[in-house]
Each structure stands twice: as C-alpha cells, then as structure tokens.
Protein backbone atom coordinates (compact mmCIF):
# COMPACT_ATOMS: atom_id res chain seq x y z
CA MET A 1 -34.84 16.10 1.45
CA SER A 2 -35.84 14.55 -2.04
CA GLU A 3 -36.05 10.84 -1.80
CA PHE A 4 -34.33 8.72 -4.52
CA THR A 5 -36.25 6.10 -6.25
CA LEU A 6 -35.17 2.45 -4.92
CA HIS A 7 -35.27 0.78 -7.87
CA THR A 8 -36.05 -2.82 -8.72
CA PRO A 9 -34.92 -4.54 -12.01
CA ASP A 10 -37.94 -3.92 -13.73
CA SER A 11 -38.32 0.30 -12.57
CA ALA A 12 -34.55 0.86 -13.21
CA PRO A 13 -33.61 2.90 -16.28
CA GLU A 14 -32.85 0.68 -18.98
CA PRO A 15 -28.81 0.94 -18.48
CA ALA A 16 -29.11 -0.56 -14.97
CA ARG A 17 -31.76 -3.09 -15.48
CA ALA A 18 -29.73 -6.22 -16.31
CA ILE A 19 -27.00 -4.86 -13.82
CA LEU A 20 -29.97 -5.07 -11.14
CA ARG A 21 -31.18 -8.42 -12.35
CA ASP A 22 -27.71 -10.01 -12.35
CA VAL A 23 -27.29 -8.69 -8.47
CA GLN A 24 -30.67 -10.08 -7.64
CA LYS A 25 -29.99 -13.61 -9.25
CA LYS A 26 -26.31 -13.76 -7.57
CA LEU A 27 -27.61 -12.63 -3.97
CA GLY A 28 -31.12 -13.35 -3.97
CA PHE A 29 -31.86 -9.74 -3.16
CA VAL A 30 -30.75 -6.04 -4.41
CA PRO A 31 -28.81 -4.28 -1.92
CA ASN A 32 -30.59 -0.62 -1.24
CA MET A 33 -27.11 0.83 -2.40
CA TYR A 34 -27.38 -0.66 -5.56
CA ALA A 35 -31.17 0.02 -6.12
CA ASN A 36 -30.61 3.75 -5.35
CA LEU A 37 -27.37 4.31 -7.41
CA ALA A 38 -29.34 2.76 -10.38
CA ASN A 39 -30.99 6.41 -10.52
CA ALA A 40 -27.83 7.15 -12.26
CA PRO A 41 -26.50 3.90 -14.41
CA ALA A 42 -23.22 5.44 -14.91
CA THR A 43 -22.52 5.84 -11.20
CA LEU A 44 -23.42 2.00 -10.69
CA GLU A 45 -21.23 0.95 -13.35
CA ALA A 46 -18.57 3.16 -11.90
CA TYR A 47 -18.76 1.51 -8.39
CA LEU A 48 -18.81 -1.92 -9.96
CA GLY A 49 -15.97 -1.27 -12.11
CA LEU A 50 -13.91 -0.01 -8.96
CA SER A 51 -15.04 -2.56 -6.86
CA ALA A 52 -14.03 -5.21 -9.62
CA GLN A 53 -10.63 -3.44 -9.95
CA PHE A 54 -10.05 -3.56 -6.27
CA ASP A 55 -10.62 -7.32 -5.94
CA LYS A 56 -7.67 -7.76 -8.47
CA THR A 57 -5.30 -5.86 -6.01
CA SER A 58 -2.76 -7.59 -4.30
CA PHE A 59 -4.64 -7.56 -0.90
CA THR A 60 -5.98 -10.71 0.43
CA PRO A 61 -9.71 -10.86 0.80
CA VAL A 62 -9.58 -9.79 4.59
CA GLU A 63 -7.10 -6.88 3.78
CA ARG A 64 -9.51 -5.58 1.49
CA GLN A 65 -12.27 -5.86 3.92
CA VAL A 66 -9.88 -3.94 6.39
CA VAL A 67 -9.70 -1.11 3.86
CA ILE A 68 -13.25 -1.10 2.89
CA LEU A 69 -14.34 -1.02 6.69
CA ALA A 70 -11.73 1.33 7.98
CA VAL A 71 -13.02 4.01 5.22
CA SER A 72 -16.50 3.60 5.72
CA VAL A 73 -16.57 4.04 9.45
CA GLU A 74 -14.17 7.12 8.74
CA ASN A 75 -16.83 8.33 6.64
CA GLY A 76 -19.78 7.43 8.97
CA CYS A 77 -21.20 5.25 6.20
CA GLU A 78 -24.04 3.12 8.25
CA PHE A 79 -25.15 1.01 5.25
CA CYS A 80 -21.54 -0.08 4.12
CA VAL A 81 -20.48 -0.67 7.54
CA ALA A 82 -23.24 -3.17 7.94
CA ALA A 83 -23.06 -4.63 4.62
CA HIS A 84 -19.30 -4.95 4.71
CA SER A 85 -19.24 -6.38 8.35
CA LEU A 86 -21.39 -9.20 7.08
CA ILE A 87 -19.49 -9.66 4.25
CA ALA A 88 -15.83 -9.73 6.12
CA ARG A 89 -17.21 -12.01 8.94
CA LYS A 90 -19.55 -14.47 6.93
CA MET A 91 -17.91 -14.46 3.39
CA VAL A 92 -14.05 -13.77 3.83
CA LYS A 93 -14.14 -15.22 7.33
CA ALA A 94 -12.09 -12.22 8.81
CA PRO A 95 -11.80 -12.85 12.80
CA ASP A 96 -14.82 -11.26 14.83
CA ALA A 97 -12.02 -9.28 16.92
CA VAL A 98 -10.71 -7.59 13.80
CA VAL A 99 -14.46 -7.07 12.46
CA ASP A 100 -15.37 -5.52 15.95
CA ALA A 101 -12.24 -3.45 16.51
CA LEU A 102 -12.72 -1.90 12.79
CA ARG A 103 -16.61 -1.04 13.59
CA ASN A 104 -15.63 0.29 17.22
CA ARG A 105 -12.33 2.25 15.97
CA THR A 106 -10.20 0.51 18.47
CA PRO A 107 -6.77 -1.26 17.74
CA LEU A 108 -6.90 -4.57 16.07
CA PRO A 109 -5.26 -7.47 17.29
CA ASP A 110 -3.07 -8.18 14.20
CA ALA A 111 -0.47 -5.40 13.73
CA ARG A 112 -0.11 -5.70 10.18
CA LEU A 113 -3.81 -5.21 9.81
CA GLN A 114 -3.78 -2.46 12.15
CA ALA A 115 -1.19 -0.46 10.02
CA LEU A 116 -3.48 -1.35 7.02
CA ALA A 117 -6.56 0.18 8.88
CA VAL A 118 -4.48 3.37 10.23
CA PHE A 119 -2.88 3.95 6.87
CA ALA A 120 -6.64 3.88 5.27
CA ARG A 121 -8.09 6.26 7.84
CA THR A 122 -5.15 8.51 7.55
CA MET A 123 -5.80 8.53 3.72
CA VAL A 124 -9.36 9.68 4.22
CA LYS A 125 -8.67 12.11 7.00
CA GLU A 126 -5.49 13.57 5.27
CA ARG A 127 -7.52 13.61 1.79
CA GLY A 128 -4.49 11.84 0.22
CA TRP A 129 -1.49 13.78 1.75
CA VAL A 130 -0.05 10.75 3.42
CA THR A 131 3.72 11.17 3.51
CA GLY A 132 6.63 10.70 6.15
CA ALA A 133 5.71 8.87 9.29
CA PRO A 134 2.30 7.34 8.27
CA LEU A 135 3.73 6.24 4.99
CA GLU A 136 6.82 4.65 6.50
CA ALA A 137 4.69 2.83 9.27
CA PHE A 138 2.60 1.29 6.60
CA LEU A 139 5.62 0.47 4.72
CA LYS A 140 7.53 -0.81 7.99
CA ALA A 141 4.55 -3.45 8.59
CA GLY A 142 5.50 -5.24 5.43
CA PHE A 143 3.25 -3.45 2.71
CA THR A 144 4.55 -1.71 -0.48
CA HIS A 145 4.44 1.21 -2.68
CA GLN A 146 2.00 -0.55 -4.81
CA GLN A 147 -0.06 -1.54 -1.92
CA ALA A 148 -0.14 2.34 -0.99
CA LEU A 149 -1.53 3.04 -4.26
CA GLU A 150 -4.12 0.07 -3.97
CA VAL A 151 -5.46 1.50 -0.95
CA VAL A 152 -6.21 4.52 -2.85
CA LEU A 153 -8.21 2.83 -5.15
CA GLY A 154 -10.11 1.23 -2.27
CA VAL A 155 -10.61 4.65 -0.83
CA THR A 156 -11.94 5.90 -4.08
CA MET A 157 -14.24 2.90 -4.31
CA LYS A 158 -15.54 3.53 -0.79
CA THR A 159 -15.80 7.17 -1.17
CA LEU A 160 -18.07 6.96 -4.04
CA SER A 161 -20.28 4.60 -2.32
CA ASN A 162 -20.27 6.31 0.85
CA TYR A 163 -21.00 9.72 -0.45
CA SER A 164 -23.54 8.40 -2.46
CA ASN A 165 -25.37 6.61 0.29
CA HIS A 166 -25.28 9.73 2.46
CA LEU A 167 -26.90 11.87 -0.45
CA MET A 168 -29.45 9.03 -1.12
CA GLY A 169 -30.29 8.26 2.30
CA THR A 170 -29.92 4.74 1.98
CA THR A 171 -31.11 2.37 4.47
CA THR A 172 -29.58 -1.06 5.60
CA ASN A 173 -31.22 -4.02 4.13
CA ALA A 174 -32.75 -6.56 6.38
CA GLU A 175 -30.41 -8.72 5.31
CA PHE A 176 -27.58 -6.74 6.55
CA SER A 177 -29.37 -5.98 10.05
CA SER A 178 -27.63 -8.57 12.11
CA GLU A 179 -24.75 -6.01 11.52
CA ALA A 180 -26.35 -2.77 11.77
CA TRP A 181 -24.24 -0.03 12.86
CA LYS A 182 -24.74 3.76 13.50
CA ARG A 183 -22.58 6.60 13.07
CA PRO A 184 -21.07 8.27 16.24
CA ALA A 185 -22.97 11.52 16.83
C-alpha cells in the first residue's frame, strides 16, 4: 500500500497550508484526516465546504451528528466514528445512549433520532434509491422533504471523508483515542 503524506501546516502544498494552520489554531492540533487530505488541497477544501453547508441545514447539532455517525458506521470509517463520537458527546452534548447505539448499530432510545439514523443508513445501503416505506417512515417521524435532501448532503460529505480515509489509511489521532472504534470484521 502506498503511504500518503501526513502533512503539517509547513509541509502541505501551498493551497492547504493556511487551512491546516487555521485548523491547528482552532483545535490545538491537526486531525490526521485533514493532514492526509492536504495531499489534494481541492479535496480538503471540498470536505470543509460540504461540512460548512451541512452545518447550515435545518437539523439540530445532535441530529447532524446522528447522520454523520450513522453514515460513518455504515461505511466502516474508524477515524470518523472516533472523531464524531467525541464531537457528539463533548461538543454537542448528545446523550451517551444515542452515541453508543449509533456506534453499536442498536436501536436509539429516541424514536425520531432512530428514524433519522435508519434513513441515513438506508440512503447509504441503497445508494440513494430510497422511496416508498423508508421515505414514508422518515416523513412520518416528523422530518420533511427538505430534510431528506439535507440527509443526502450529509451522506455526500461523509462519503467523501470515509472513502478518503479508507484510501489513505488514516489513523485515529490520540485526541480521539477515548472514542476509538473498530469496524466489524
């Protein structure tokens, strides 16, 4: 397997340097995914742009993390599950029972969030061909057609990072190690 360069703000290609500097200043470290994505600055910028747009959706911060974690677990992305488990618990204050259920693929204790997770997983498994009963269940849970499309945005963002992490062999930063996760064999 060829190894991707884990860039620093100083070693990254010029278009990615400012991005990595900003991330390091904001977080105090550079997540390995960003350091790896710096190998292709346009891809790093695309991920950050999609993430910024997903933050503008009508979903609450907890609902956004439900989508992100459901997709990342479905795609088997160890880095993203660890990072977003920490974000969900510590930054957006998602209940532990919700985060644990998403990580373990067990039913969520909240019916509305369960419907959101199922819809996001189904979107991934069916490659967007989600109509009929799965869409109706999502809408019946109180979500809207607008939010169905916003789930597509979340799936798009996480598919970009999940697949990139698979390709790059991204390892989990020590800062996320308390939430380490292994995909089922």
